[in-house]
Amino acid sequence: MFKYILIASAATGLAATANAQSYDNDTGLYLDGGYQYLDIKPDGADSGVDTNGIAARLGYKFNNVFSLEGELASGIDDGEFDYNVDEDEFNLDDNDDGDFEDVIGASGDIGLNYLVGLYGRADLPVTERMNLFARAGYAYIDVDASVNTPGGTAINIEDSADGPAIGAGMTYDLNDNWELRGDYTYYSFDSTDTNGVMLGLGYKF
């Protein structure tokens, strides 16, 4: 009887190992997509601006640790912000006092046109279904803003920036193909520091 118990235990262990490998050792192409939250802080803004968007991540997993992935995100609404900037930056004498030395305290909104990036990603399996990961790369952002000054001037601005980005996240395998994903990324742009959170669903081909 003891012999049969040992055989059954060994078989159970092998099955569990095979099941873990079916999730942890996936390689190949994957696509993740979902909701993207961005906190964008342009130069001159008093605080970050909350915007909402959609994002997609297309990647290739070379082994159970390393992947290379690209990112594309686009905004679906604009966020409101308060803006303080010198008049000479806009070449605008907003209060008609004959100089460009005053600070314009204005309100406006900002929207994400698109954000693209390329990252290397390293995974750490936690359980047979759950992975933690870190990623680092380089990204480019394009935004537009409209500002209404106290003097009644409407200013439209389109700006872009690029810089390094670093983040971390987690995936959870629902089955062999489908996974849940959540991640945080900090984008270090020259004039527009941005924090991003993505929650979505992924498919492994």
N, C-alpha and C. Protein backbone atom coordinates (compact mmCIF):
# COMPACT_ATOMS: atom_id res chain seq x y z
N MET A 1 0.83 -1.20 0.00
CA MET A 1 0.00 0.00 0.00
C MET A 1 0.87 1.26 0.00
N PHE A 2 1.91 1.23 0.83
CA PHE A 2 2.81 2.39 0.90
C PHE A 2 3.44 2.68 -0.45
N LYS A 3 3.76 1.62 -1.21
CA LYS A 3 4.35 1.78 -2.53
C LYS A 3 3.40 2.51 -3.46
N TYR A 4 2.12 2.15 -3.39
CA TYR A 4 1.14 2.79 -4.27
C TYR A 4 0.92 4.26 -3.91
N ILE A 5 1.00 4.54 -2.60
CA ILE A 5 0.88 5.94 -2.16
C ILE A 5 2.04 6.78 -2.71
N LEU A 6 3.26 6.19 -2.68
CA LEU A 6 4.42 6.90 -3.22
C LEU A 6 4.27 7.15 -4.71
N ILE A 7 3.79 6.14 -5.44
CA ILE A 7 3.60 6.29 -6.88
C ILE A 7 2.56 7.36 -7.19
N ALA A 8 1.46 7.36 -6.43
CA ALA A 8 0.40 8.36 -6.65
C ALA A 8 0.91 9.76 -6.34
N SER A 9 1.71 9.87 -5.26
CA SER A 9 2.25 11.18 -4.89
C SER A 9 3.21 11.69 -5.96
N ALA A 10 4.06 10.79 -6.48
CA ALA A 10 4.99 11.18 -7.54
C ALA A 10 4.26 11.61 -8.79
N ALA A 11 3.21 10.89 -9.14
CA ALA A 11 2.42 11.24 -10.33
C ALA A 11 1.75 12.59 -10.16
N THR A 12 1.24 12.84 -8.94
CA THR A 12 0.61 14.14 -8.68
C THR A 12 1.63 15.28 -8.80
N GLY A 13 2.85 15.02 -8.25
CA GLY A 13 3.89 16.03 -8.35
C GLY A 13 4.30 16.31 -9.77
N LEU A 14 4.42 15.29 -10.59
CA LEU A 14 4.77 15.48 -11.99
C LEU A 14 3.68 16.23 -12.73
N ALA A 15 2.44 15.94 -12.44
CA ALA A 15 1.33 16.64 -13.10
C ALA A 15 1.33 18.11 -12.72
N ALA A 16 1.58 18.38 -11.42
CA ALA A 16 1.62 19.78 -10.98
C ALA A 16 2.75 20.52 -11.65
N THR A 17 3.94 19.84 -11.78
CA THR A 17 5.08 20.46 -12.43
C THR A 17 4.79 20.75 -13.89
N ALA A 18 4.17 19.82 -14.57
CA ALA A 18 3.81 20.02 -15.98
C ALA A 18 2.82 21.15 -16.13
N ASN A 19 1.86 21.24 -15.19
CA ASN A 19 0.87 22.31 -15.25
C ASN A 19 1.54 23.65 -15.04
N ALA A 20 2.50 23.72 -14.08
CA ALA A 20 3.22 24.98 -13.83
C ALA A 20 4.00 25.38 -15.05
N GLN A 21 4.64 24.41 -15.71
CA GLN A 21 5.44 24.73 -16.89
C GLN A 21 4.56 25.24 -18.02
N SER A 22 3.33 24.77 -18.08
CA SER A 22 2.46 25.22 -19.16
C SER A 22 2.17 26.70 -19.07
N TYR A 23 2.26 27.26 -17.83
CA TYR A 23 2.06 28.68 -17.67
C TYR A 23 3.37 29.44 -17.65
N ASP A 24 4.37 28.96 -16.89
CA ASP A 24 5.57 29.73 -16.64
C ASP A 24 6.54 29.74 -17.81
N ASN A 25 6.53 28.72 -18.64
CA ASN A 25 7.53 28.61 -19.69
C ASN A 25 6.99 29.00 -21.07
N ASP A 26 5.93 29.79 -21.10
CA ASP A 26 5.39 30.24 -22.37
C ASP A 26 6.40 31.10 -23.10
N THR A 27 6.54 30.91 -24.39
CA THR A 27 7.33 31.79 -25.24
C THR A 27 6.50 32.16 -26.44
N GLY A 28 6.90 33.23 -27.14
CA GLY A 28 6.20 33.63 -28.34
C GLY A 28 5.53 34.98 -28.22
N LEU A 29 4.65 35.26 -29.15
CA LEU A 29 4.00 36.55 -29.29
C LEU A 29 2.84 36.70 -28.30
N TYR A 30 2.68 37.91 -27.75
CA TYR A 30 1.53 38.20 -26.88
C TYR A 30 1.03 39.61 -27.16
N LEU A 31 -0.24 39.84 -26.83
CA LEU A 31 -0.88 41.14 -27.02
C LEU A 31 -1.73 41.44 -25.80
N ASP A 32 -1.46 42.57 -25.14
CA ASP A 32 -2.24 43.02 -23.99
C ASP A 32 -2.89 44.36 -24.34
N GLY A 33 -4.07 44.59 -23.82
CA GLY A 33 -4.74 45.87 -24.06
C GLY A 33 -5.75 46.16 -22.97
N GLY A 34 -6.05 47.45 -22.78
CA GLY A 34 -7.05 47.80 -21.79
C GLY A 34 -7.05 49.27 -21.44
N TYR A 35 -7.48 49.56 -20.22
CA TYR A 35 -7.63 50.94 -19.74
C TYR A 35 -6.28 51.51 -19.33
N GLN A 36 -6.04 52.77 -19.69
CA GLN A 36 -4.80 53.47 -19.35
C GLN A 36 -5.13 54.75 -18.59
N TYR A 37 -4.61 54.86 -17.37
CA TYR A 37 -4.71 56.10 -16.60
C TYR A 37 -3.36 56.80 -16.66
N LEU A 38 -3.37 58.10 -16.94
CA LEU A 38 -2.13 58.88 -16.99
C LEU A 38 -2.27 60.12 -16.12
N ASP A 39 -1.22 60.39 -15.35
CA ASP A 39 -1.11 61.64 -14.60
C ASP A 39 0.00 62.44 -15.26
N ILE A 40 -0.38 63.47 -16.01
CA ILE A 40 0.55 64.26 -16.81
C ILE A 40 0.78 65.60 -16.13
N LYS A 41 2.06 65.97 -15.95
CA LYS A 41 2.38 67.26 -15.34
C LYS A 41 3.27 68.07 -16.26
N PRO A 42 2.68 68.96 -17.09
CA PRO A 42 3.50 69.82 -17.95
C PRO A 42 4.16 70.92 -17.14
N ASP A 43 5.26 71.46 -17.66
CA ASP A 43 5.92 72.59 -17.00
C ASP A 43 4.93 73.73 -16.82
N GLY A 44 4.91 74.32 -15.63
CA GLY A 44 4.03 75.43 -15.35
C GLY A 44 2.73 75.04 -14.69
N ALA A 45 2.36 73.77 -14.74
CA ALA A 45 1.13 73.33 -14.11
C ALA A 45 1.34 73.19 -12.61
N ASP A 46 0.31 73.54 -11.83
CA ASP A 46 0.42 73.46 -10.38
C ASP A 46 0.48 72.02 -9.89
N SER A 47 -0.18 71.12 -10.60
CA SER A 47 -0.19 69.72 -10.19
C SER A 47 -0.40 68.86 -11.43
N GLY A 48 -0.35 67.56 -11.24
CA GLY A 48 -0.57 66.65 -12.36
C GLY A 48 -2.00 66.69 -12.85
N VAL A 49 -2.18 66.31 -14.11
CA VAL A 49 -3.49 66.32 -14.76
C VAL A 49 -3.91 64.88 -15.02
N ASP A 50 -5.09 64.52 -14.53
CA ASP A 50 -5.60 63.16 -14.73
C ASP A 50 -6.23 63.03 -16.11
N THR A 51 -5.78 62.05 -16.87
CA THR A 51 -6.38 61.76 -18.17
C THR A 51 -6.62 60.26 -18.28
N ASN A 52 -7.57 59.88 -19.10
CA ASN A 52 -7.92 58.49 -19.32
C ASN A 52 -7.70 58.12 -20.78
N GLY A 53 -7.32 56.87 -21.01
CA GLY A 53 -7.06 56.44 -22.38
C GLY A 53 -7.16 54.94 -22.52
N ILE A 54 -6.78 54.47 -23.67
CA ILE A 54 -6.69 53.05 -23.94
C ILE A 54 -5.26 52.75 -24.39
N ALA A 55 -4.79 51.54 -24.09
CA ALA A 55 -3.41 51.19 -24.39
C ALA A 55 -3.34 49.77 -24.92
N ALA A 56 -2.30 49.50 -25.72
CA ALA A 56 -2.01 48.16 -26.20
C ALA A 56 -0.52 47.90 -26.06
N ARG A 57 -0.17 46.67 -25.71
CA ARG A 57 1.22 46.25 -25.57
C ARG A 57 1.41 45.00 -26.42
N LEU A 58 2.25 45.08 -27.42
CA LEU A 58 2.56 43.92 -28.27
C LEU A 58 3.99 43.50 -27.99
N GLY A 59 4.18 42.22 -27.65
CA GLY A 59 5.51 41.79 -27.27
C GLY A 59 5.83 40.38 -27.73
N TYR A 60 7.10 40.04 -27.53
CA TYR A 60 7.56 38.68 -27.82
C TYR A 60 8.35 38.19 -26.62
N LYS A 61 7.96 37.01 -26.10
CA LYS A 61 8.63 36.41 -24.96
C LYS A 61 9.64 35.39 -25.46
N PHE A 62 10.91 35.66 -25.23
CA PHE A 62 11.98 34.79 -25.74
C PHE A 62 12.18 33.56 -24.87
N ASN A 63 11.96 33.70 -23.57
CA ASN A 63 12.04 32.59 -22.63
C ASN A 63 11.18 32.95 -21.43
N ASN A 64 11.30 32.18 -20.33
CA ASN A 64 10.41 32.45 -19.20
C ASN A 64 10.84 33.67 -18.38
N VAL A 65 11.90 34.37 -18.82
CA VAL A 65 12.36 35.57 -18.11
C VAL A 65 12.28 36.82 -18.98
N PHE A 66 12.83 36.79 -20.18
CA PHE A 66 13.02 38.02 -20.95
C PHE A 66 12.01 38.17 -22.09
N SER A 67 11.47 39.40 -22.21
CA SER A 67 10.57 39.76 -23.30
C SER A 67 10.94 41.13 -23.83
N LEU A 68 10.54 41.39 -25.06
CA LEU A 68 10.66 42.72 -25.66
C LEU A 68 9.26 43.14 -26.08
N GLU A 69 8.82 44.35 -25.65
CA GLU A 69 7.46 44.76 -25.95
C GLU A 69 7.38 46.22 -26.38
N GLY A 70 6.44 46.49 -27.28
CA GLY A 70 6.13 47.84 -27.71
C GLY A 70 4.81 48.29 -27.12
N GLU A 71 4.66 49.59 -27.00
CA GLU A 71 3.48 50.17 -26.35
C GLU A 71 2.88 51.27 -27.23
N LEU A 72 1.55 51.31 -27.28
CA LEU A 72 0.83 52.39 -27.94
C LEU A 72 -0.38 52.75 -27.10
N ALA A 73 -0.51 54.04 -26.76
CA ALA A 73 -1.65 54.51 -25.97
C ALA A 73 -2.22 55.77 -26.59
N SER A 74 -3.53 55.96 -26.42
CA SER A 74 -4.20 57.15 -26.93
C SER A 74 -5.23 57.60 -25.91
N GLY A 75 -5.41 58.93 -25.77
CA GLY A 75 -6.35 59.46 -24.79
C GLY A 75 -7.79 59.39 -25.27
N ILE A 76 -8.72 59.30 -24.31
CA ILE A 76 -10.15 59.31 -24.64
C ILE A 76 -10.87 60.48 -23.98
N ASP A 77 -10.19 61.22 -23.10
CA ASP A 77 -10.76 62.46 -22.57
C ASP A 77 -9.64 63.39 -22.15
N ASP A 78 -9.98 64.64 -21.87
CA ASP A 78 -9.01 65.64 -21.45
C ASP A 78 -9.10 65.87 -19.95
N GLY A 79 -7.98 66.29 -19.36
CA GLY A 79 -7.96 66.64 -17.95
C GLY A 79 -7.78 68.13 -17.76
N GLU A 80 -8.38 68.69 -16.71
CA GLU A 80 -8.30 70.12 -16.44
C GLU A 80 -7.12 70.44 -15.53
N PHE A 81 -6.53 71.63 -15.73
CA PHE A 81 -5.39 72.02 -14.91
C PHE A 81 -5.32 73.53 -14.79
N ASP A 82 -4.56 73.98 -13.78
CA ASP A 82 -4.24 75.40 -13.60
C ASP A 82 -2.81 75.61 -14.05
N TYR A 83 -2.59 76.74 -14.71
CA TYR A 83 -1.33 76.96 -15.42
C TYR A 83 -0.74 78.29 -15.00
N ASN A 84 0.56 78.31 -14.67
CA ASN A 84 1.27 79.54 -14.33
C ASN A 84 2.54 79.62 -15.17
N VAL A 85 2.61 80.64 -16.03
CA VAL A 85 3.74 80.74 -16.94
C VAL A 85 4.02 82.22 -17.23
N ASP A 86 5.26 82.57 -17.49
CA ASP A 86 5.62 83.95 -17.81
C ASP A 86 5.02 84.36 -19.15
N GLU A 87 4.65 85.64 -19.23
CA GLU A 87 4.07 86.16 -20.47
C GLU A 87 5.02 86.03 -21.65
N ASP A 88 6.31 86.20 -21.39
CA ASP A 88 7.25 86.17 -22.52
C ASP A 88 7.36 84.78 -23.15
N GLU A 89 6.96 83.73 -22.42
CA GLU A 89 6.99 82.40 -23.01
C GLU A 89 5.97 82.28 -24.14
N PHE A 90 4.86 82.99 -24.01
CA PHE A 90 3.84 83.01 -25.06
C PHE A 90 3.95 84.25 -25.95
N ASN A 91 4.92 85.14 -25.62
CA ASN A 91 5.03 86.42 -26.33
C ASN A 91 3.68 87.13 -26.32
N LEU A 92 3.10 87.23 -25.12
CA LEU A 92 1.74 87.74 -24.95
C LEU A 92 1.69 88.71 -23.77
N ASP A 93 1.28 89.94 -24.02
CA ASP A 93 1.04 90.93 -22.97
C ASP A 93 -0.42 90.81 -22.57
N ASP A 94 -0.72 89.85 -21.71
CA ASP A 94 -2.11 89.50 -21.43
C ASP A 94 -2.87 90.61 -20.72
N ASN A 95 -2.19 91.40 -19.87
CA ASN A 95 -2.89 92.47 -19.15
C ASN A 95 -2.64 93.85 -19.74
N ASP A 96 -2.01 93.90 -20.93
CA ASP A 96 -1.79 95.16 -21.66
C ASP A 96 -1.10 96.23 -20.81
N ASP A 97 -0.04 95.82 -20.08
CA ASP A 97 0.67 96.82 -19.28
C ASP A 97 1.98 97.24 -19.93
N GLY A 98 2.20 96.82 -21.15
CA GLY A 98 3.36 97.27 -21.90
C GLY A 98 4.62 96.44 -21.72
N ASP A 99 4.55 95.35 -20.95
CA ASP A 99 5.73 94.48 -20.83
C ASP A 99 5.29 93.01 -20.86
N PHE A 100 6.28 92.13 -20.86
CA PHE A 100 6.01 90.69 -20.89
C PHE A 100 6.60 90.02 -19.65
N GLU A 101 6.57 90.73 -18.51
CA GLU A 101 7.24 90.25 -17.30
C GLU A 101 6.28 89.64 -16.29
N ASP A 102 4.99 89.69 -16.54
CA ASP A 102 4.03 89.17 -15.59
C ASP A 102 3.84 87.66 -15.78
N VAL A 103 3.29 87.06 -14.75
CA VAL A 103 2.97 85.64 -14.79
C VAL A 103 1.49 85.47 -15.12
N ILE A 104 1.21 84.65 -16.11
CA ILE A 104 -0.17 84.36 -16.48
C ILE A 104 -0.67 83.21 -15.62
N GLY A 105 -1.70 83.46 -14.84
CA GLY A 105 -2.36 82.40 -14.08
C GLY A 105 -3.62 82.01 -14.83
N ALA A 106 -3.58 80.89 -15.52
CA ALA A 106 -4.66 80.52 -16.42
C ALA A 106 -5.18 79.12 -16.09
N SER A 107 -6.30 78.78 -16.68
CA SER A 107 -6.85 77.43 -16.57
C SER A 107 -6.96 76.85 -17.96
N GLY A 108 -6.99 75.55 -18.04
CA GLY A 108 -7.09 74.91 -19.35
C GLY A 108 -7.31 73.42 -19.23
N ASP A 109 -7.16 72.75 -20.33
CA ASP A 109 -7.25 71.29 -20.32
C ASP A 109 -6.17 70.71 -21.23
N ILE A 110 -5.82 69.47 -20.94
CA ILE A 110 -4.76 68.80 -21.69
C ILE A 110 -5.24 67.40 -22.07
N GLY A 111 -4.87 66.99 -23.26
CA GLY A 111 -5.27 65.67 -23.75
C GLY A 111 -4.09 64.94 -24.38
N LEU A 112 -4.13 63.64 -24.27
CA LEU A 112 -3.09 62.80 -24.86
C LEU A 112 -3.46 62.45 -26.30
N ASN A 113 -2.60 62.85 -27.24
CA ASN A 113 -2.79 62.41 -28.62
C ASN A 113 -2.33 60.97 -28.77
N TYR A 114 -1.08 60.71 -28.40
CA TYR A 114 -0.60 59.33 -28.40
C TYR A 114 0.68 59.23 -27.58
N LEU A 115 0.97 58.02 -27.16
CA LEU A 115 2.20 57.69 -26.45
C LEU A 115 2.71 56.37 -27.01
N VAL A 116 3.98 56.33 -27.39
CA VAL A 116 4.57 55.09 -27.90
C VAL A 116 5.86 54.81 -27.13
N GLY A 117 6.20 53.53 -27.01
CA GLY A 117 7.42 53.18 -26.30
C GLY A 117 7.88 51.78 -26.66
N LEU A 118 9.14 51.50 -26.35
CA LEU A 118 9.74 50.18 -26.56
C LEU A 118 10.49 49.81 -25.28
N TYR A 119 10.28 48.57 -24.80
CA TYR A 119 10.78 48.17 -23.49
C TYR A 119 11.38 46.77 -23.52
N GLY A 120 12.37 46.56 -22.68
CA GLY A 120 12.79 45.23 -22.30
C GLY A 120 12.09 44.88 -21.00
N ARG A 121 11.66 43.63 -20.89
CA ARG A 121 10.87 43.21 -19.73
C ARG A 121 11.47 41.93 -19.14
N ALA A 122 11.57 41.89 -17.81
CA ALA A 122 12.07 40.71 -17.10
C ALA A 122 10.99 40.20 -16.16
N ASP A 123 10.67 38.90 -16.26
CA ASP A 123 9.61 38.29 -15.47
C ASP A 123 10.17 37.47 -14.32
N LEU A 124 9.44 37.45 -13.21
CA LEU A 124 9.76 36.61 -12.07
C LEU A 124 8.52 35.79 -11.72
N PRO A 125 8.51 34.48 -12.02
CA PRO A 125 7.35 33.64 -11.66
C PRO A 125 7.18 33.58 -10.15
N VAL A 126 5.95 33.81 -9.68
CA VAL A 126 5.64 33.75 -8.26
C VAL A 126 4.89 32.46 -7.93
N THR A 127 3.89 32.15 -8.75
CA THR A 127 3.18 30.88 -8.66
C THR A 127 3.08 30.33 -10.08
N GLU A 128 2.39 29.20 -10.24
CA GLU A 128 2.27 28.62 -11.58
C GLU A 128 1.46 29.51 -12.51
N ARG A 129 0.70 30.44 -11.96
CA ARG A 129 -0.12 31.32 -12.81
C ARG A 129 0.29 32.79 -12.73
N MET A 130 0.94 33.20 -11.67
CA MET A 130 1.22 34.62 -11.43
C MET A 130 2.68 34.95 -11.66
N ASN A 131 2.93 36.03 -12.40
CA ASN A 131 4.27 36.55 -12.63
C ASN A 131 4.34 38.00 -12.19
N LEU A 132 5.44 38.37 -11.56
CA LEU A 132 5.80 39.77 -11.38
C LEU A 132 6.81 40.14 -12.47
N PHE A 133 6.79 41.40 -12.90
CA PHE A 133 7.76 41.79 -13.92
C PHE A 133 8.20 43.23 -13.72
N ALA A 134 9.36 43.53 -14.25
CA ALA A 134 9.88 44.90 -14.32
C ALA A 134 10.21 45.18 -15.78
N ARG A 135 10.07 46.43 -16.19
CA ARG A 135 10.40 46.78 -17.57
C ARG A 135 11.06 48.14 -17.62
N ALA A 136 11.91 48.33 -18.61
CA ALA A 136 12.61 49.60 -18.79
C ALA A 136 12.79 49.84 -20.28
N GLY A 137 12.70 51.11 -20.68
CA GLY A 137 12.83 51.41 -22.09
C GLY A 137 12.81 52.89 -22.36
N TYR A 138 12.29 53.25 -23.52
CA TYR A 138 12.27 54.64 -23.97
C TYR A 138 10.91 54.91 -24.61
N ALA A 139 10.36 56.11 -24.34
CA ALA A 139 9.01 56.42 -24.81
C ALA A 139 8.93 57.84 -25.38
N TYR A 140 7.88 58.08 -26.14
CA TYR A 140 7.63 59.37 -26.79
C TYR A 140 6.16 59.71 -26.58
N ILE A 141 5.88 60.96 -26.17
CA ILE A 141 4.52 61.38 -25.91
C ILE A 141 4.18 62.62 -26.72
N ASP A 142 2.95 62.71 -27.18
CA ASP A 142 2.45 63.88 -27.90
C ASP A 142 1.13 64.30 -27.26
N VAL A 143 1.07 65.55 -26.78
CA VAL A 143 -0.12 66.05 -26.10
C VAL A 143 -0.53 67.39 -26.72
N ASP A 144 -1.78 67.75 -26.51
CA ASP A 144 -2.22 69.11 -26.85
C ASP A 144 -2.98 69.70 -25.67
N ALA A 145 -2.93 71.03 -25.58
CA ALA A 145 -3.58 71.73 -24.48
C ALA A 145 -4.22 73.00 -25.00
N SER A 146 -5.30 73.39 -24.35
CA SER A 146 -5.92 74.68 -24.62
C SER A 146 -5.94 75.46 -23.31
N VAL A 147 -5.49 76.72 -23.36
CA VAL A 147 -5.37 77.56 -22.17
C VAL A 147 -6.19 78.83 -22.39
N ASN A 148 -7.00 79.19 -21.40
CA ASN A 148 -7.76 80.43 -21.42
C ASN A 148 -7.16 81.38 -20.39
N THR A 149 -6.60 82.50 -20.84
CA THR A 149 -5.92 83.43 -19.94
C THR A 149 -6.91 84.38 -19.28
N PRO A 150 -6.51 85.02 -18.17
CA PRO A 150 -7.39 86.01 -17.53
C PRO A 150 -7.76 87.16 -18.45
N GLY A 151 -6.89 87.48 -19.42
CA GLY A 151 -7.19 88.56 -20.35
C GLY A 151 -8.12 88.15 -21.48
N GLY A 152 -8.56 86.91 -21.50
CA GLY A 152 -9.52 86.45 -22.50
C GLY A 152 -8.89 85.85 -23.74
N THR A 153 -7.61 85.58 -23.71
CA THR A 153 -6.93 84.98 -24.86
C THR A 153 -7.00 83.46 -24.78
N ALA A 154 -7.39 82.83 -25.88
CA ALA A 154 -7.41 81.37 -25.96
C ALA A 154 -6.13 80.91 -26.67
N ILE A 155 -5.37 80.07 -26.02
CA ILE A 155 -4.09 79.59 -26.56
C ILE A 155 -4.16 78.08 -26.72
N ASN A 156 -3.82 77.61 -27.90
CA ASN A 156 -3.76 76.18 -28.17
C ASN A 156 -2.30 75.76 -28.33
N ILE A 157 -1.92 74.73 -27.62
CA ILE A 157 -0.53 74.29 -27.59
C ILE A 157 -0.48 72.81 -27.93
N GLU A 158 0.43 72.44 -28.81
CA GLU A 158 0.72 71.03 -29.03
C GLU A 158 2.19 70.82 -28.73
N ASP A 159 2.47 69.82 -27.90
CA ASP A 159 3.84 69.60 -27.46
C ASP A 159 4.15 68.11 -27.48
N SER A 160 5.40 67.80 -27.65
CA SER A 160 5.84 66.40 -27.62
C SER A 160 7.15 66.33 -26.85
N ALA A 161 7.43 65.16 -26.31
CA ALA A 161 8.65 64.95 -25.54
C ALA A 161 8.99 63.47 -25.58
N ASP A 162 10.24 63.18 -25.29
CA ASP A 162 10.66 61.79 -25.20
C ASP A 162 11.60 61.63 -24.03
N GLY A 163 11.78 60.39 -23.58
CA GLY A 163 12.66 60.14 -22.45
C GLY A 163 12.57 58.70 -21.99
N PRO A 164 13.41 58.34 -21.02
CA PRO A 164 13.40 56.97 -20.49
C PRO A 164 12.14 56.69 -19.68
N ALA A 165 11.80 55.42 -19.60
CA ALA A 165 10.63 55.00 -18.83
C ALA A 165 10.96 53.70 -18.11
N ILE A 166 10.41 53.57 -16.90
CA ILE A 166 10.66 52.38 -16.10
C ILE A 166 9.39 52.03 -15.33
N GLY A 167 9.15 50.74 -15.16
CA GLY A 167 7.93 50.36 -14.46
C GLY A 167 7.95 48.93 -13.99
N ALA A 168 6.83 48.52 -13.38
CA ALA A 168 6.69 47.17 -12.85
C ALA A 168 5.22 46.78 -12.90
N GLY A 169 4.97 45.47 -12.86
CA GLY A 169 3.59 45.02 -12.91
C GLY A 169 3.44 43.56 -12.59
N MET A 170 2.26 43.04 -12.90
CA MET A 170 1.92 41.66 -12.58
C MET A 170 1.01 41.10 -13.66
N THR A 171 1.17 39.84 -13.98
CA THR A 171 0.23 39.12 -14.85
C THR A 171 -0.30 37.91 -14.11
N TYR A 172 -1.52 37.52 -14.46
CA TYR A 172 -2.14 36.33 -13.87
C TYR A 172 -2.79 35.53 -15.00
N ASP A 173 -2.34 34.30 -15.18
CA ASP A 173 -2.85 33.45 -16.25
C ASP A 173 -4.23 32.91 -15.90
N LEU A 174 -5.21 33.20 -16.75
CA LEU A 174 -6.54 32.62 -16.61
C LEU A 174 -6.57 31.20 -17.17
N ASN A 175 -5.84 30.99 -18.26
CA ASN A 175 -5.65 29.67 -18.85
C ASN A 175 -4.38 29.72 -19.70
N ASP A 176 -4.22 28.79 -20.62
CA ASP A 176 -3.00 28.74 -21.42
C ASP A 176 -2.81 29.97 -22.31
N ASN A 177 -3.90 30.65 -22.67
CA ASN A 177 -3.81 31.76 -23.62
C ASN A 177 -4.14 33.12 -23.02
N TRP A 178 -5.11 33.18 -22.13
CA TRP A 178 -5.59 34.47 -21.63
C TRP A 178 -4.97 34.81 -20.28
N GLU A 179 -4.66 36.11 -20.10
CA GLU A 179 -4.09 36.57 -18.85
C GLU A 179 -4.64 37.94 -18.47
N LEU A 180 -4.64 38.23 -17.18
CA LEU A 180 -4.91 39.56 -16.67
C LEU A 180 -3.58 40.27 -16.46
N ARG A 181 -3.57 41.59 -16.68
CA ARG A 181 -2.33 42.35 -16.52
C ARG A 181 -2.60 43.69 -15.85
N GLY A 182 -1.71 44.07 -14.95
CA GLY A 182 -1.72 45.39 -14.37
C GLY A 182 -0.29 45.89 -14.24
N ASP A 183 -0.04 47.16 -14.54
CA ASP A 183 1.32 47.68 -14.41
C ASP A 183 1.33 49.17 -14.15
N TYR A 184 2.46 49.62 -13.59
CA TYR A 184 2.73 51.04 -13.36
C TYR A 184 3.99 51.42 -14.12
N THR A 185 3.98 52.61 -14.76
CA THR A 185 5.16 53.09 -15.49
C THR A 185 5.39 54.56 -15.17
N TYR A 186 6.66 54.89 -14.90
CA TYR A 186 7.06 56.30 -14.76
C TYR A 186 7.80 56.71 -16.03
N TYR A 187 7.31 57.78 -16.67
CA TYR A 187 7.90 58.31 -17.90
C TYR A 187 8.64 59.60 -17.56
N SER A 188 9.95 59.62 -17.74
CA SER A 188 10.77 60.78 -17.39
C SER A 188 10.97 61.65 -18.63
N PHE A 189 9.92 62.37 -19.02
CA PHE A 189 10.02 63.28 -20.15
C PHE A 189 10.59 64.62 -19.70
N ASP A 190 11.29 65.33 -20.61
CA ASP A 190 11.96 66.58 -20.25
C ASP A 190 10.98 67.62 -19.69
N SER A 191 9.86 67.80 -20.36
CA SER A 191 8.95 68.87 -19.97
C SER A 191 7.60 68.36 -19.48
N THR A 192 7.42 67.05 -19.46
CA THR A 192 6.12 66.50 -19.12
C THR A 192 6.31 65.18 -18.38
N ASP A 193 6.61 65.25 -17.09
CA ASP A 193 6.71 64.02 -16.31
C ASP A 193 5.33 63.37 -16.23
N THR A 194 5.30 62.06 -16.41
CA THR A 194 4.04 61.35 -16.51
C THR A 194 4.10 60.04 -15.74
N ASN A 195 3.03 59.76 -14.99
CA ASN A 195 2.85 58.48 -14.32
C ASN A 195 1.68 57.77 -14.98
N GLY A 196 1.85 56.48 -15.24
CA GLY A 196 0.81 55.74 -15.93
C GLY A 196 0.48 54.42 -15.25
N VAL A 197 -0.80 54.07 -15.25
CA VAL A 197 -1.27 52.78 -14.74
C VAL A 197 -2.13 52.14 -15.82
N MET A 198 -1.88 50.89 -16.12
CA MET A 198 -2.64 50.17 -17.12
C MET A 198 -3.24 48.91 -16.51
N LEU A 199 -4.53 48.68 -16.75
CA LEU A 199 -5.24 47.47 -16.33
C LEU A 199 -5.87 46.86 -17.57
N GLY A 200 -5.60 45.59 -17.82
CA GLY A 200 -6.13 45.04 -19.06
C GLY A 200 -6.12 43.52 -19.11
N LEU A 201 -6.41 43.05 -20.30
CA LEU A 201 -6.51 41.62 -20.59
C LEU A 201 -5.55 41.32 -21.73
N GLY A 202 -4.88 40.16 -21.66
CA GLY A 202 -3.91 39.81 -22.68
C GLY A 202 -4.16 38.44 -23.27
N TYR A 203 -3.59 38.25 -24.47
CA TYR A 203 -3.70 36.96 -25.17
C TYR A 203 -2.31 36.54 -25.62
N LYS A 204 -1.95 35.29 -25.31
CA LYS A 204 -0.67 34.72 -25.71
C LYS A 204 -0.89 33.79 -26.90
N PHE A 205 -0.27 34.11 -28.02
CA PHE A 205 -0.50 33.36 -29.25
C PHE A 205 0.25 32.04 -29.25
